[in-house]
Each structure stands twice: as structure tokens, then as C-alpha cells.
Amino acid sequence: MSSYLHTLKHYATFRGKASRSEVWIFLIVNVIIKIILGIISVKMDLYTSETPGSMTLLDGGFSIAVLIPTIAVSVRRIHDIGL
């Protein structure tokens, strides 16, 4: 969990390097949070359409909130592999 918080604290740092574990922990925790938000959305009946890919305010808000940190950790990982 500290790796996830470390990534969020350095959300706009595009310089430096990110280890494989940092990237994978960040992505796995994001997926777990998205699943939990999806379950909450279903329980609260927040979905307005029957389409499988529809998003709620919870899902969309979280996706927007972690967009820049996801890009930053991806760029740092690319630096780590030498590209």
C-alpha cells in the first residue's frame, strides 16, 4: 500500500524511474478500487442504462482522478527500461 501512496504523491513526476513492482501494485490496486466502486454502483442502482460498459459518476470520477498518476508512472517505467 505504501507503494501505491508513493505513486500518488508523485502524481506529476515524469522524471526518474519506476520499478515493475511499483507499476503493478499501482495498477492492481486501481483495478480493485474500480471493482469495489462498481459493486457500490450496482448496490446503489446508479447505472442508468443496461449497456455493459456504462460508467457512473463514481467510476468516471475515479478514472479521471488517477489518469495523470497512471500516465506519470507509465512514463517513469519507460525510463526505467531504457527508452
PDB file of N, CA and C in Angstrom:
ATOM      1  N   MET A   1       0.818  -1.187   0.000  1.00  0.00           N
ATOM      2  CA  MET A   1       0.000   0.000   0.000  1.00  0.00           C
ATOM      3  C   MET A   1       0.865   1.255   0.000  1.00  0.00           C
ATOM      4  N   SER A   2       2.037   1.190   0.603  1.00  0.00           N
ATOM      5  CA  SER A   2       2.914   2.360   0.625  1.00  0.00           C
ATOM      6  C   SER A   2       3.408   2.697  -0.776  1.00  0.00           C
ATOM      7  N   SER A   3       3.591   1.683  -1.618  1.00  0.00           N
ATOM      8  CA  SER A   3       3.996   1.926  -3.000  1.00  0.00           C
ATOM      9  C   SER A   3       2.897   2.653  -3.761  1.00  0.00           C
ATOM     10  N   TYR A   4       1.642   2.289  -3.496  1.00  0.00           N
ATOM     11  CA  TYR A   4       0.509   2.961  -4.139  1.00  0.00           C
ATOM     12  C   TYR A   4       0.453   4.426  -3.717  1.00  0.00           C
ATOM     13  N   LEU A   5       0.601   4.674  -2.419  1.00  0.00           N
ATOM     14  CA  LEU A   5       0.576   6.048  -1.923  1.00  0.00           C
ATOM     15  C   LEU A   5       1.776   6.840  -2.423  1.00  0.00           C
ATOM     16  N   HIS A   6       2.923   6.187  -2.536  1.00  0.00           N
ATOM     17  CA  HIS A   6       4.120   6.842  -3.082  1.00  0.00           C
ATOM     18  C   HIS A   6       3.861   7.283  -4.522  1.00  0.00           C
ATOM     19  N   THR A   7       3.233   6.439  -5.303  1.00  0.00           N
ATOM     20  CA  THR A   7       2.926   6.780  -6.689  1.00  0.00           C
ATOM     21  C   THR A   7       1.950   7.943  -6.754  1.00  0.00           C
ATOM     22  N   LEU A   8       0.965   7.950  -5.882  1.00  0.00           N
ATOM     23  CA  LEU A   8       0.008   9.055  -5.875  1.00  0.00           C
ATOM     24  C   LEU A   8       0.657  10.363  -5.415  1.00  0.00           C
ATOM     25  N   LYS A   9       1.595  10.288  -4.482  1.00  0.00           N
ATOM     26  CA  LYS A   9       2.277  11.502  -4.031  1.00  0.00           C
ATOM     27  C   LYS A   9       3.123  12.110  -5.138  1.00  0.00           C
ATOM     28  N   HIS A  10       3.661  11.273  -5.993  1.00  0.00           N
ATOM     29  CA  HIS A  10       4.481  11.738  -7.118  1.00  0.00           C
ATOM     30  C   HIS A  10       3.668  11.690  -8.411  1.00  0.00           C
ATOM     31  N   TYR A  11       2.431  12.168  -8.322  1.00  0.00           N
ATOM     32  CA  TYR A  11       1.500  12.024  -9.439  1.00  0.00           C
ATOM     33  C   TYR A  11       1.900  12.803 -10.678  1.00  0.00           C
ATOM     34  N   ALA A  12       2.680  13.862 -10.535  1.00  0.00           N
ATOM     35  CA  ALA A  12       3.058  14.656 -11.701  1.00  0.00           C
ATOM     36  C   ALA A  12       4.556  14.598 -11.958  1.00  0.00           C
ATOM     37  N   THR A  13       5.228  13.607 -11.427  1.00  0.00           N
ATOM     38  CA  THR A  13       6.666  13.451 -11.639  1.00  0.00           C
ATOM     39  C   THR A  13       6.884  12.534 -12.825  1.00  0.00           C
ATOM     40  N   PHE A  14       7.355  13.136 -13.914  1.00  0.00           N
ATOM     41  CA  PHE A  14       7.592  12.361 -15.124  1.00  0.00           C
ATOM     42  C   PHE A  14       9.062  12.020 -15.300  1.00  0.00           C
ATOM     43  N   ARG A  15       9.896  12.512 -14.392  1.00  0.00           N
ATOM     44  CA  ARG A  15      11.320  12.187 -14.432  1.00  0.00           C
ATOM     45  C   ARG A  15      11.601  11.109 -13.403  1.00  0.00           C
ATOM     46  N   GLY A  16      12.665  10.397 -13.641  1.00  0.00           N
ATOM     47  CA  GLY A  16      13.028   9.338 -12.714  1.00  0.00           C
ATOM     48  C   GLY A  16      12.613   7.983 -13.248  1.00  0.00           C
ATOM     49  N   LYS A  17      12.621   7.010 -12.371  1.00  0.00           N
ATOM     50  CA  LYS A  17      12.340   5.636 -12.771  1.00  0.00           C
ATOM     51  C   LYS A  17      11.307   5.020 -11.843  1.00  0.00           C
ATOM     52  N   ALA A  18      10.566   4.058 -12.377  1.00  0.00           N
ATOM     53  CA  ALA A  18       9.583   3.315 -11.591  1.00  0.00           C
ATOM     54  C   ALA A  18       9.856   1.825 -11.772  1.00  0.00           C
ATOM     55  N   SER A  19       9.901   1.118 -10.688  1.00  0.00           N
ATOM     56  CA  SER A  19      10.151  -0.323 -10.761  1.00  0.00           C
ATOM     57  C   SER A  19       8.908  -1.059 -11.245  1.00  0.00           C
ATOM     58  N   ARG A  20       9.121  -2.298 -11.636  1.00  0.00           N
ATOM     59  CA  ARG A  20       7.990  -3.123 -12.060  1.00  0.00           C
ATOM     60  C   ARG A  20       6.968  -3.273 -10.953  1.00  0.00           C
ATOM     61  N   SER A  21       7.458  -3.486  -9.739  1.00  0.00           N
ATOM     62  CA  SER A  21       6.530  -3.684  -8.623  1.00  0.00           C
ATOM     63  C   SER A  21       5.696  -2.436  -8.363  1.00  0.00           C
ATOM     64  N   GLU A  22       6.302  -1.253  -8.481  1.00  0.00           N
ATOM     65  CA  GLU A  22       5.555  -0.020  -8.283  1.00  0.00           C
ATOM     66  C   GLU A  22       4.420   0.102  -9.295  1.00  0.00           C
ATOM     67  N   VAL A  23       4.723  -0.193 -10.541  1.00  0.00           N
ATOM     68  CA  VAL A  23       3.710  -0.091 -11.592  1.00  0.00           C
ATOM     69  C   VAL A  23       2.606  -1.120 -11.386  1.00  0.00           C
ATOM     70  N   TRP A  24       2.991  -2.366 -11.135  1.00  0.00           N
ATOM     71  CA  TRP A  24       1.990  -3.419 -10.986  1.00  0.00           C
ATOM     72  C   TRP A  24       1.128  -3.230  -9.746  1.00  0.00           C
ATOM     73  N   ILE A  25       1.720  -2.827  -8.640  1.00  0.00           N
ATOM     74  CA  ILE A  25       0.924  -2.578  -7.431  1.00  0.00           C
ATOM     75  C   ILE A  25      -0.059  -1.451  -7.687  1.00  0.00           C
ATOM     76  N   PHE A  26       0.400  -0.379  -8.342  1.00  0.00           N
ATOM     77  CA  PHE A  26      -0.480   0.743  -8.651  1.00  0.00           C
ATOM     78  C   PHE A  26      -1.650   0.294  -9.527  1.00  0.00           C
ATOM     79  N   LEU A  27      -1.374  -0.473 -10.562  1.00  0.00           N
ATOM     80  CA  LEU A  27      -2.436  -0.921 -11.466  1.00  0.00           C
ATOM     81  C   LEU A  27      -3.388  -1.907 -10.792  1.00  0.00           C
ATOM     82  N   ILE A  28      -2.874  -2.836 -10.011  1.00  0.00           N
ATOM     83  CA  ILE A  28      -3.725  -3.823  -9.344  1.00  0.00           C
ATOM     84  C   ILE A  28      -4.628  -3.161  -8.309  1.00  0.00           C
ATOM     85  N   VAL A  29      -4.080  -2.219  -7.543  1.00  0.00           N
ATOM     86  CA  VAL A  29      -4.911  -1.510  -6.567  1.00  0.00           C
ATOM     87  C   VAL A  29      -5.989  -0.696  -7.278  1.00  0.00           C
ATOM     88  N   ASN A  30      -5.653  -0.087  -8.411  1.00  0.00           N
ATOM     89  CA  ASN A  30      -6.654   0.648  -9.183  1.00  0.00           C
ATOM     90  C   ASN A  30      -7.778  -0.269  -9.658  1.00  0.00           C
ATOM     91  N   VAL A  31      -7.436  -1.453 -10.116  1.00  0.00           N
ATOM     92  CA  VAL A  31      -8.457  -2.409 -10.568  1.00  0.00           C
ATOM     93  C   VAL A  31      -9.345  -2.833  -9.394  1.00  0.00           C
ATOM     94  N   ILE A  32      -8.738  -3.083  -8.248  1.00  0.00           N
ATOM     95  CA  ILE A  32      -9.521  -3.473  -7.067  1.00  0.00           C
ATOM     96  C   ILE A  32     -10.471  -2.350  -6.660  1.00  0.00           C
ATOM     97  N   ILE A  33      -9.983  -1.120  -6.679  1.00  0.00           N
ATOM     98  CA  ILE A  33     -10.840   0.023  -6.345  1.00  0.00           C
ATOM     99  C   ILE A  33     -11.970   0.165  -7.351  1.00  0.00           C
ATOM    100  N   LYS A  34     -11.678  -0.023  -8.642  1.00  0.00           N
ATOM    101  CA  LYS A  34     -12.723   0.061  -9.664  1.00  0.00           C
ATOM    102  C   LYS A  34     -13.783  -1.025  -9.463  1.00  0.00           C
ATOM    103  N   ILE A  35     -13.363  -2.226  -9.080  1.00  0.00           N
ATOM    104  CA  ILE A  35     -14.327  -3.303  -8.819  1.00  0.00           C
ATOM    105  C   ILE A  35     -15.209  -2.941  -7.633  1.00  0.00           C
ATOM    106  N   ILE A  36     -14.599  -2.420  -6.576  1.00  0.00           N
ATOM    107  CA  ILE A  36     -15.376  -2.018  -5.399  1.00  0.00           C
ATOM    108  C   ILE A  36     -16.353  -0.908  -5.763  1.00  0.00           C
ATOM    109  N   LEU A  37     -15.912   0.072  -6.540  1.00  0.00           N
ATOM    110  CA  LEU A  37     -16.810   1.154  -6.962  1.00  0.00           C
ATOM    111  C   LEU A  37     -17.928   0.621  -7.851  1.00  0.00           C
ATOM    112  N   GLY A  38     -17.631  -0.369  -8.674  1.00  0.00           N
ATOM    113  CA  GLY A  38     -18.660  -0.989  -9.496  1.00  0.00           C
ATOM    114  C   GLY A  38     -19.702  -1.701  -8.661  1.00  0.00           C
ATOM    115  N   ILE A  39     -19.255  -2.405  -7.633  1.00  0.00           N
ATOM    116  CA  ILE A  39     -20.191  -3.096  -6.735  1.00  0.00           C
ATOM    117  C   ILE A  39     -21.059  -2.083  -5.996  1.00  0.00           C
ATOM    118  N   ILE A  40     -20.435  -1.005  -5.523  1.00  0.00           N
ATOM    119  CA  ILE A  40     -21.202   0.046  -4.842  1.00  0.00           C
ATOM    120  C   ILE A  40     -22.224   0.666  -5.797  1.00  0.00           C
ATOM    121  N   SER A  41     -21.809   0.892  -7.038  1.00  0.00           N
ATOM    122  CA  SER A  41     -22.724   1.486  -8.017  1.00  0.00           C
ATOM    123  C   SER A  41     -23.911   0.574  -8.298  1.00  0.00           C
ATOM    124  N   VAL A  42     -23.667  -0.734  -8.377  1.00  0.00           N
ATOM    125  CA  VAL A  42     -24.753  -1.686  -8.612  1.00  0.00           C
ATOM    126  C   VAL A  42     -25.685  -1.727  -7.404  1.00  0.00           C
ATOM    127  N   LYS A  43     -25.106  -1.773  -6.210  1.00  0.00           N
ATOM    128  CA  LYS A  43     -25.924  -1.831  -4.991  1.00  0.00           C
ATOM    129  C   LYS A  43     -26.771  -0.572  -4.815  1.00  0.00           C
ATOM    130  N   MET A  44     -26.232   0.566  -5.226  1.00  0.00           N
ATOM    131  CA  MET A  44     -26.969   1.826  -5.089  1.00  0.00           C
ATOM    132  C   MET A  44     -27.831   2.125  -6.312  1.00  0.00           C
ATOM    133  N   ASP A  45     -27.799   1.228  -7.299  1.00  0.00           N
ATOM    134  CA  ASP A  45     -28.575   1.370  -8.532  1.00  0.00           C
ATOM    135  C   ASP A  45     -28.283   2.698  -9.239  1.00  0.00           C
ATOM    136  N   LEU A  46     -26.993   2.972  -9.428  1.00  0.00           N
ATOM    137  CA  LEU A  46     -26.571   4.217 -10.062  1.00  0.00           C
ATOM    138  C   LEU A  46     -26.454   4.119 -11.577  1.00  0.00           C
ATOM    139  N   TYR A  47     -26.494   2.911 -12.107  1.00  0.00           N
ATOM    140  CA  TYR A  47     -26.400   2.761 -13.556  1.00  0.00           C
ATOM    141  C   TYR A  47     -27.712   3.175 -14.203  1.00  0.00           C
ATOM    142  N   THR A  48     -27.606   3.982 -15.247  1.00  0.00           N
ATOM    143  CA  THR A  48     -28.815   4.492 -15.892  1.00  0.00           C
ATOM    144  C   THR A  48     -29.159   3.735 -17.161  1.00  0.00           C
ATOM    145  N   SER A  49     -28.247   2.921 -17.659  1.00  0.00           N
ATOM    146  CA  SER A  49     -28.523   2.165 -18.869  1.00  0.00           C
ATOM    147  C   SER A  49     -28.149   0.707 -18.663  1.00  0.00           C
ATOM    148  N   GLU A  50     -28.603  -0.119 -19.546  1.00  0.00           N
ATOM    149  CA  GLU A  50     -28.350  -1.557 -19.453  1.00  0.00           C
ATOM    150  C   GLU A  50     -27.086  -1.977 -20.198  1.00  0.00           C
ATOM    151  N   THR A  51     -26.387  -1.029 -20.818  1.00  0.00           N
ATOM    152  CA  THR A  51     -25.193  -1.393 -21.570  1.00  0.00           C
ATOM    153  C   THR A  51     -24.074  -1.785 -20.615  1.00  0.00           C
ATOM    154  N   PRO A  52     -23.307  -2.827 -20.953  1.00  0.00           N
ATOM    155  CA  PRO A  52     -22.291  -3.331 -20.040  1.00  0.00           C
ATOM    156  C   PRO A  52     -21.148  -2.349 -19.758  1.00  0.00           C
ATOM    157  N   GLY A  53     -20.840  -1.458 -20.675  1.00  0.00           N
ATOM    158  CA  GLY A  53     -19.696  -0.572 -20.493  1.00  0.00           C
ATOM    159  C   GLY A  53     -20.036   0.785 -19.925  1.00  0.00           C
ATOM    160  N   SER A  54     -21.235   0.960 -19.413  1.00  0.00           N
ATOM    161  CA  SER A  54     -21.620   2.282 -18.916  1.00  0.00           C
ATOM    162  C   SER A  54     -20.901   2.604 -17.614  1.00  0.00           C
ATOM    163  N   MET A  55     -20.646   3.894 -17.396  1.00  0.00           N
ATOM    164  CA  MET A  55     -19.942   4.350 -16.194  1.00  0.00           C
ATOM    165  C   MET A  55     -20.867   5.201 -15.345  1.00  0.00           C
ATOM    166  N   THR A  56     -20.581   5.220 -14.077  1.00  0.00           N
ATOM    167  CA  THR A  56     -21.298   6.112 -13.181  1.00  0.00           C
ATOM    168  C   THR A  56     -20.364   7.249 -12.788  1.00  0.00           C
ATOM    169  N   LEU A  57     -20.869   8.156 -12.002  1.00  0.00           N
ATOM    170  CA  LEU A  57     -20.049   9.257 -11.522  1.00  0.00           C
ATOM    171  C   LEU A  57     -18.898   8.743 -10.661  1.00  0.00           C
ATOM    172  N   LEU A  58     -19.132   7.688  -9.897  1.00  0.00           N
ATOM    173  CA  LEU A  58     -18.059   7.101  -9.076  1.00  0.00           C
ATOM    174  C   LEU A  58     -16.924   6.566  -9.944  1.00  0.00           C
ATOM    175  N   ASP A  59     -17.284   5.758 -10.942  1.00  0.00           N
ATOM    176  CA  ASP A  59     -16.278   5.164 -11.825  1.00  0.00           C
ATOM    177  C   ASP A  59     -15.540   6.237 -12.619  1.00  0.00           C
ATOM    178  N   GLY A  60     -16.299   7.136 -13.205  1.00  0.00           N
ATOM    179  CA  GLY A  60     -15.702   8.189 -14.024  1.00  0.00           C
ATOM    180  C   GLY A  60     -14.831   9.129 -13.213  1.00  0.00           C
ATOM    181  N   GLY A  61     -15.289   9.485 -12.023  1.00  0.00           N
ATOM    182  CA  GLY A  61     -14.506  10.369 -11.168  1.00  0.00           C
ATOM    183  C   GLY A  61     -13.191   9.748 -10.748  1.00  0.00           C
ATOM    184  N   PHE A  62     -13.239   8.467 -10.400  1.00  0.00           N
ATOM    185  CA  PHE A  62     -12.000   7.785 -10.022  1.00  0.00           C
ATOM    186  C   PHE A  62     -11.061   7.673 -11.218  1.00  0.00           C
ATOM    187  N   SER A  63     -11.608   7.355 -12.391  1.00  0.00           N
ATOM    188  CA  SER A  63     -10.775   7.234 -13.592  1.00  0.00           C
ATOM    189  C   SER A  63     -10.086   8.556 -13.923  1.00  0.00           C
ATOM    190  N   ILE A  64     -10.804   9.646 -13.789  1.00  0.00           N
ATOM    191  CA  ILE A  64     -10.207  10.961 -14.046  1.00  0.00           C
ATOM    192  C   ILE A  64      -9.171  11.294 -12.979  1.00  0.00           C
ATOM    193  N   ALA A  65      -9.449  10.928 -11.732  1.00  0.00           N
ATOM    194  CA  ALA A  65      -8.533  11.237 -10.630  1.00  0.00           C
ATOM    195  C   ALA A  65      -7.192  10.523 -10.783  1.00  0.00           C
ATOM    196  N   VAL A  66      -7.180   9.319 -11.340  1.00  0.00           N
ATOM    197  CA  VAL A  66      -5.922   8.565 -11.457  1.00  0.00           C
ATOM    198  C   VAL A  66      -5.346   8.599 -12.875  1.00  0.00           C
ATOM    199  N   LEU A  67      -5.895   9.424 -13.740  1.00  0.00           N
ATOM    200  CA  LEU A  67      -5.394   9.493 -15.115  1.00  0.00           C
ATOM    201  C   LEU A  67      -3.952  10.003 -15.161  1.00  0.00           C
ATOM    202  N   ILE A  68      -3.684  11.150 -14.558  1.00  0.00           N
ATOM    203  CA  ILE A  68      -2.335  11.721 -14.578  1.00  0.00           C
ATOM    204  C   ILE A  68      -1.335  10.835 -13.827  1.00  0.00           C
ATOM    205  N   PRO A  69      -1.673  10.304 -12.632  1.00  0.00           N
ATOM    206  CA  PRO A  69      -0.712   9.393 -11.980  1.00  0.00           C
ATOM    207  C   PRO A  69      -0.418   8.146 -12.818  1.00  0.00           C
ATOM    208  N   THR A  70      -1.400   7.635 -13.535  1.00  0.00           N
ATOM    209  CA  THR A  70      -1.181   6.460 -14.377  1.00  0.00           C
ATOM    210  C   THR A  70      -0.223   6.781 -15.517  1.00  0.00           C
ATOM    211  N   ILE A  71      -0.422   7.931 -16.139  1.00  0.00           N
ATOM    212  CA  ILE A  71       0.481   8.338 -17.221  1.00  0.00           C
ATOM    213  C   ILE A  71       1.884   8.565 -16.674  1.00  0.00           C
ATOM    214  N   ALA A  72       1.982   9.217 -15.506  1.00  0.00           N
ATOM    215  CA  ALA A  72       3.294   9.511 -14.922  1.00  0.00           C
ATOM    216  C   ALA A  72       4.050   8.237 -14.572  1.00  0.00           C
ATOM    217  N   VAL A  73       3.385   7.277 -13.935  1.00  0.00           N
ATOM    218  CA  VAL A  73       4.083   6.040 -13.567  1.00  0.00           C
ATOM    219  C   VAL A  73       4.440   5.243 -14.818  1.00  0.00           C
ATOM    220  N   SER A  74       3.646   5.325 -15.857  1.00  0.00           N
ATOM    221  CA  SER A  74       3.975   4.637 -17.110  1.00  0.00           C
ATOM    222  C   SER A  74       5.207   5.254 -17.758  1.00  0.00           C
ATOM    223  N   VAL A  75       5.292   6.577 -17.764  1.00  0.00           N
ATOM    224  CA  VAL A  75       6.460   7.258 -18.336  1.00  0.00           C
ATOM    225  C   VAL A  75       7.706   6.931 -17.527  1.00  0.00           C
ATOM    226  N   ARG A  76       7.587   6.919 -16.186  1.00  0.00           N
ATOM    227  CA  ARG A  76       8.740   6.569 -15.357  1.00  0.00           C
ATOM    228  C   ARG A  76       9.173   5.127 -15.600  1.00  0.00           C
ATOM    229  N   ARG A  77       8.214   4.236 -15.844  1.00  0.00           N
ATOM    230  CA  ARG A  77       8.569   2.845 -16.138  1.00  0.00           C
ATOM    231  C   ARG A  77       9.299   2.743 -17.471  1.00  0.00           C
ATOM    232  N   ILE A  78       8.855   3.513 -18.449  1.00  0.00           N
ATOM    233  CA  ILE A  78       9.532   3.527 -19.751  1.00  0.00           C
ATOM    234  C   ILE A  78      10.971   4.015 -19.581  1.00  0.00           C
ATOM    235  N   HIS A  79      11.175   5.016 -18.711  1.00  0.00           N
ATOM    236  CA  HIS A  79      12.544   5.483 -18.433  1.00  0.00           C
ATOM    237  C   HIS A  79      13.370   4.367 -17.789  1.00  0.00           C
ATOM    238  N   ASP A  80      12.742   3.575 -16.925  1.00  0.00           N
ATOM    239  CA  ASP A  80      13.460   2.522 -16.217  1.00  0.00           C
ATOM    240  C   ASP A  80      13.936   1.414 -17.152  1.00  0.00           C
ATOM    241  N   ILE A  81      13.177   1.149 -18.205  1.00  0.00           N
ATOM    242  CA  ILE A  81      13.594   0.085 -19.129  1.00  0.00           C
ATOM    243  C   ILE A  81      14.533   0.607 -20.219  1.00  0.00           C
ATOM    244  N   GLY A  82      14.850   1.892 -20.152  1.00  0.00           N
ATOM    245  CA  GLY A  82      15.871   2.441 -21.031  1.00  0.00           C
ATOM    246  C   GLY A  82      15.344   3.081 -22.303  1.00  0.00           C
ATOM    247  N   LEU A  83      14.088   3.363 -22.394  1.00  0.00           N
ATOM    248  CA  LEU A  83      13.551   4.019 -23.593  1.00  0.00           C
ATOM    249  C   LEU A  83      13.262   5.477 -23.335  1.00  0.00           C
TER     250      LEU A  83
END
